[in-house]
Amino acid sequence: MQQQAPTEAIPEDWQTALAVVAHPDDLEYGAASAVAKWTAQGKRVVYVMVSRGEAGIDGMHPSETGPLRSQEEIDAARVVGVDTVEFMDYPDGIIEYGLPLRRDLSRAIRKHQPDVILTLSHHLQFPTGHLNMADHRNVGIAVFDASRDAANRWIFPELLEEALEPWNGVRFVATFGPSDPTHGIDVTGYWNQGLDSLRQHRAYLEYLGSESADSTFQFLTAHAVESGQSFGCEHAVFTELVLINEPWG
């Protein structure tokens, strides 16, 4: 599946981002390099994992996998300058779109008051043509809806009882791994830091096998180089930007 290279850079005139994904390691396949760039600029980025990825390693019981992958995500986040990682504890593999998820995401948005939200693609397929799993798709759609829900005091009014006032400050949602990217991010100088972040997922990469892990790193780097060539830099990642509260026009 061929991507059309975007020519416009993602806006960077913001201060706080909330990154919401389904599993530990979802952000480490490209987005982490952008996060490294932004934290180096002094921006604040908070990670929220909807699950702990406990169903991700066949042969290891979820009761062991969940805590292990959670710690690996915390370690991965630190590599790119993120010191806050929260877990919602939804069941890995069967995350459902619905009001409970929208409510919990609205709570996180009101709590952290981000200017922008980062997430993974909600589309059926990745640019490679591979199926995008249901957890990613359901979380992605819920993120869009929650970014609006969080601004309306009459949606989930029970959050007011938690002293969480409405937050209308989300400018846009940026999704990574989109089938139809709209914006590029120059991550030259930060690409390897993002790969180091991925390397913190030692148990999961070991489960994949050394050969598979090596090919993953090679594929990701080749794609970042190709994206960079089309975007006019050494390394780049692409995103699909959806406006939430940006002015019209």
Protein backbone atom coordinates (compact mmCIF):
# COMPACT_ATOMS: atom_id res chain seq x y z
CA MET A 1 0.00 0.00 0.00
CA GLN A 2 1.72 3.20 -1.19
CA GLN A 3 1.61 6.27 1.06
CA GLN A 4 1.44 9.73 -0.43
CA ALA A 5 4.13 11.77 1.30
CA PRO A 6 2.84 14.83 3.14
CA THR A 7 4.54 18.17 2.61
CA GLU A 8 3.29 19.98 5.70
CA ALA A 9 5.04 19.72 9.08
CA ILE A 10 3.00 19.02 12.18
CA PRO A 11 2.50 22.17 14.30
CA GLU A 12 4.88 22.33 17.25
CA ASP A 13 3.62 25.53 18.91
CA TRP A 14 2.17 23.64 21.88
CA GLN A 15 3.42 22.62 25.31
CA THR A 16 1.65 19.47 26.57
CA ALA A 17 0.77 16.21 24.82
CA LEU A 18 -1.14 13.18 26.04
CA ALA A 19 -0.17 9.96 24.24
CA VAL A 20 -2.92 7.33 24.48
CA VAL A 21 -2.45 3.84 23.05
CA ALA A 22 -3.75 0.34 23.67
CA HIS A 23 -0.55 -1.48 24.64
CA PRO A 24 2.98 -1.08 25.95
CA ASP A 25 5.29 -0.72 22.91
CA ASP A 26 2.64 0.82 20.59
CA LEU A 27 4.41 4.18 20.70
CA GLU A 28 7.88 2.76 20.14
CA TYR A 29 7.50 1.99 16.43
CA GLY A 30 8.10 5.56 15.29
CA ALA A 31 6.17 7.91 17.56
CA ALA A 32 8.79 7.68 20.32
CA SER A 33 11.35 9.46 18.14
CA ALA A 34 8.95 12.39 17.79
CA VAL A 35 8.36 12.32 21.54
CA ALA A 36 12.14 12.45 22.11
CA LYS A 37 12.33 15.53 19.91
CA TRP A 38 9.49 17.25 21.72
CA THR A 39 10.68 16.55 25.26
CA ALA A 40 14.11 17.89 24.20
CA GLN A 41 12.30 21.11 23.26
CA GLY A 42 10.95 21.29 26.81
CA LYS A 43 7.46 20.02 26.02
CA ARG A 44 5.68 17.74 28.49
CA VAL A 45 4.41 14.38 27.24
CA VAL A 46 2.36 11.96 29.34
CA TYR A 47 1.78 8.32 28.35
CA VAL A 48 -1.49 6.49 28.99
CA MET A 49 -1.68 2.75 28.25
CA VAL A 50 -5.24 1.44 28.04
CA SER A 51 -4.03 -2.11 28.80
CA ARG A 52 -0.85 -3.64 30.20
CA GLY A 53 -0.25 -5.86 27.17
CA GLU A 54 -0.72 -8.97 29.29
CA ALA A 55 -1.96 -11.12 26.38
CA GLY A 56 1.06 -10.32 24.22
CA ILE A 57 3.45 -13.18 24.98
CA ASP A 58 2.33 -16.72 24.25
CA GLY A 59 3.73 -19.13 26.82
CA MET A 60 3.90 -16.57 29.63
CA HIS A 61 0.86 -16.21 31.88
CA PRO A 62 -0.84 -12.79 31.77
CA SER A 63 -0.26 -12.38 35.51
CA GLU A 64 3.48 -12.33 34.76
CA THR A 65 3.36 -10.62 31.39
CA GLY A 66 1.32 -7.58 32.50
CA PRO A 67 3.71 -6.33 35.21
CA LEU A 68 6.75 -7.12 33.08
CA ARG A 69 5.52 -5.25 30.02
CA SER A 70 4.33 -2.36 32.19
CA GLN A 71 7.82 -1.90 33.61
CA GLU A 72 9.32 -2.16 30.14
CA GLU A 73 7.03 0.66 29.01
CA ILE A 74 8.05 2.81 31.96
CA ASP A 75 11.70 2.19 31.07
CA ALA A 76 11.02 2.93 27.39
CA ALA A 77 9.30 6.19 28.25
CA ARG A 78 12.24 7.40 30.32
CA VAL A 79 14.57 6.96 27.35
CA VAL A 80 12.62 9.65 25.45
CA GLY A 81 12.13 12.01 28.39
CA VAL A 82 8.69 10.89 29.61
CA ASP A 83 8.38 10.42 33.37
CA THR A 84 4.62 9.79 33.71
CA VAL A 85 3.12 6.53 32.44
CA GLU A 86 -0.39 5.57 33.51
CA PHE A 87 -2.26 2.29 32.97
CA MET A 88 -6.04 1.96 32.70
CA ASP A 89 -6.06 -1.83 33.11
CA TYR A 90 -8.51 -2.66 30.34
CA PRO A 91 -8.15 -6.32 29.27
CA ASP A 92 -5.56 -6.75 26.54
CA GLY A 93 -6.91 -8.04 23.23
CA ILE A 94 -10.57 -7.37 23.93
CA ILE A 95 -10.70 -3.61 24.47
CA GLU A 96 -14.15 -2.43 23.45
CA TYR A 97 -15.19 0.93 22.12
CA GLY A 98 -17.95 2.33 24.30
CA LEU A 99 -18.98 4.78 26.99
CA PRO A 100 -16.74 3.36 29.75
CA LEU A 101 -13.65 3.86 27.60
CA ARG A 102 -14.76 7.31 26.49
CA ARG A 103 -15.37 8.26 30.13
CA ASP A 104 -11.97 7.03 31.30
CA LEU A 105 -10.19 8.81 28.46
CA SER A 106 -12.15 11.98 29.19
CA ARG A 107 -10.98 11.71 32.78
CA ALA A 108 -7.35 11.49 31.66
CA ILE A 109 -7.77 14.46 29.33
CA ARG A 110 -9.35 16.61 32.03
CA LYS A 111 -6.64 15.57 34.48
CA HIS A 112 -3.64 16.30 32.27
CA GLN A 113 -5.11 19.12 30.15
CA PRO A 114 -3.15 18.44 26.95
CA ASP A 115 -2.87 20.77 24.00
CA VAL A 116 -2.58 17.80 21.64
CA ILE A 117 -3.24 14.06 21.81
CA LEU A 118 -1.14 11.34 20.18
CA THR A 119 -2.47 7.88 19.37
CA LEU A 120 -2.16 4.98 16.97
CA SER A 121 -4.04 4.65 13.70
CA HIS A 122 -7.73 3.75 13.93
CA HIS A 123 -7.88 2.52 10.33
CA LEU A 124 -8.51 -1.09 9.36
CA GLN A 125 -5.07 -1.47 7.77
CA PHE A 126 -1.57 -0.14 8.26
CA PRO A 127 0.21 1.36 5.23
CA THR A 128 1.82 -2.04 4.60
CA GLY A 129 -1.62 -3.53 4.05
CA HIS A 130 -1.48 -5.54 7.28
CA LEU A 131 -4.57 -5.69 9.48
CA ASN A 132 -4.63 -3.17 12.33
CA MET A 133 -5.87 -5.03 15.39
CA ALA A 134 -9.18 -4.22 17.06
CA ASP A 135 -7.61 -2.78 20.24
CA HIS A 136 -5.80 -0.09 18.22
CA ARG A 137 -8.88 0.77 16.19
CA ASN A 138 -11.22 0.96 19.18
CA VAL A 139 -8.85 3.07 21.25
CA GLY A 140 -8.21 5.40 18.34
CA ILE A 141 -11.88 6.14 17.74
CA ALA A 142 -12.50 6.54 21.47
CA VAL A 143 -9.63 9.06 21.68
CA PHE A 144 -11.27 11.24 19.04
CA ASP A 145 -14.63 11.18 20.82
CA ALA A 146 -13.15 11.69 24.29
CA SER A 147 -11.24 14.75 23.10
CA ARG A 148 -14.64 16.37 22.54
CA ASP A 149 -16.40 14.71 25.49
CA ALA A 150 -13.82 16.15 27.88
CA ALA A 151 -14.87 19.68 26.90
CA ASN A 152 -18.57 19.24 27.67
CA ARG A 153 -19.59 19.41 31.32
CA TRP A 154 -22.90 17.68 30.59
CA ILE A 155 -21.18 14.58 29.17
CA PHE A 156 -19.98 12.38 32.04
CA PRO A 157 -21.00 14.93 34.70
CA GLU A 158 -19.81 12.46 37.32
CA LEU A 159 -16.29 13.66 36.51
CA LEU A 160 -17.24 16.99 38.06
CA GLU A 161 -17.65 15.16 41.36
CA GLU A 162 -13.99 14.19 41.04
CA ALA A 163 -13.11 17.90 40.77
CA LEU A 164 -12.26 17.47 37.08
CA GLU A 165 -13.50 20.52 35.24
CA PRO A 166 -14.11 20.39 31.46
CA TRP A 167 -11.03 20.83 29.27
CA ASN A 168 -11.55 22.50 25.91
CA GLY A 169 -7.88 22.91 25.06
CA VAL A 170 -7.21 19.94 22.76
CA ARG A 171 -6.19 21.44 19.41
CA PHE A 172 -5.69 18.26 17.42
CA VAL A 173 -5.21 14.50 17.56
CA ALA A 174 -2.21 13.07 15.70
CA THR A 175 -2.37 9.39 14.77
CA PHE A 176 0.75 7.40 13.97
CA GLY A 177 0.91 4.61 11.40
CA PRO A 178 -1.86 6.14 9.26
CA SER A 179 -2.85 4.78 5.86
CA ASP A 180 -3.33 8.34 4.59
CA PRO A 181 -0.84 10.68 6.33
CA THR A 182 -1.40 14.42 6.32
CA HIS A 183 1.69 15.74 8.14
CA GLY A 184 5.34 14.87 8.61
CA ILE A 185 7.67 15.13 11.59
CA ASP A 186 11.40 15.65 11.09
CA VAL A 187 13.00 13.36 13.68
CA THR A 188 16.57 13.74 12.44
CA GLY A 189 18.88 13.39 15.43
CA TYR A 190 16.20 11.62 17.48
CA TRP A 191 15.54 8.48 15.44
CA ASN A 192 18.05 6.32 17.29
CA GLN A 193 16.73 7.52 20.64
CA GLY A 194 13.33 6.22 19.59
CA LEU A 195 14.87 2.86 18.65
CA ASP A 196 16.59 2.72 22.05
CA SER A 197 13.15 3.23 23.55
CA LEU A 198 11.87 0.20 21.63
CA ARG A 199 14.85 -1.86 22.81
CA GLN A 200 13.60 -1.52 26.40
CA HIS A 201 10.84 -4.00 25.51
CA ARG A 202 13.31 -6.82 26.00
CA ALA A 203 10.88 -9.59 26.94
CA TYR A 204 8.56 -8.85 24.05
CA LEU A 205 11.41 -8.60 21.54
CA GLU A 206 12.89 -11.84 22.90
CA TYR A 207 9.51 -13.49 22.38
CA LEU A 208 9.50 -12.28 18.76
CA GLY A 209 12.96 -13.81 18.27
CA SER A 210 16.26 -12.13 17.46
CA GLU A 211 15.85 -12.49 13.70
CA SER A 212 12.37 -10.99 13.73
CA ALA A 213 13.46 -8.19 16.06
CA ASP A 214 16.44 -7.34 13.86
CA SER A 215 14.26 -7.23 10.75
CA THR A 216 11.81 -4.97 12.60
CA PHE A 217 14.55 -2.45 13.43
CA GLN A 218 15.81 -2.58 9.85
CA PHE A 219 12.33 -2.11 8.42
CA LEU A 220 11.53 0.81 10.71
CA THR A 221 14.80 2.57 9.93
CA ALA A 222 14.45 2.04 6.19
CA HIS A 223 10.94 3.47 6.34
CA ALA A 224 12.11 6.49 8.38
CA VAL A 225 14.89 7.12 5.85
CA GLU A 226 12.48 6.82 2.93
CA SER A 227 10.02 9.15 4.65
CA GLY A 228 12.85 11.55 5.38
CA GLN A 229 13.91 11.63 1.74
CA SER A 230 10.39 12.53 0.66
CA PHE A 231 10.08 15.10 3.47
CA GLY A 232 13.48 16.69 2.91
CA CYS A 233 15.40 15.45 5.95
CA GLU A 234 17.38 12.44 7.16
CA HIS A 235 14.65 10.69 9.18
CA ALA A 236 10.93 11.42 9.36
CA VAL A 237 7.71 9.87 10.60
CA PHE A 238 4.28 10.57 9.18
CA THR A 239 1.03 11.21 10.98
CA GLU A 240 -2.62 11.93 10.27
CA LEU A 241 -3.75 15.09 11.98
CA VAL A 242 -7.41 15.59 12.94
CA LEU A 243 -8.42 19.06 14.12
CA ILE A 244 -10.47 19.25 17.30
CA ASN A 245 -10.52 22.87 18.51
CA GLU A 246 -8.36 24.66 15.96
CA PRO A 247 -10.05 27.71 14.38
CA TRP A 248 -11.75 27.26 11.04
CA GLY A 249 -10.20 28.71 7.94
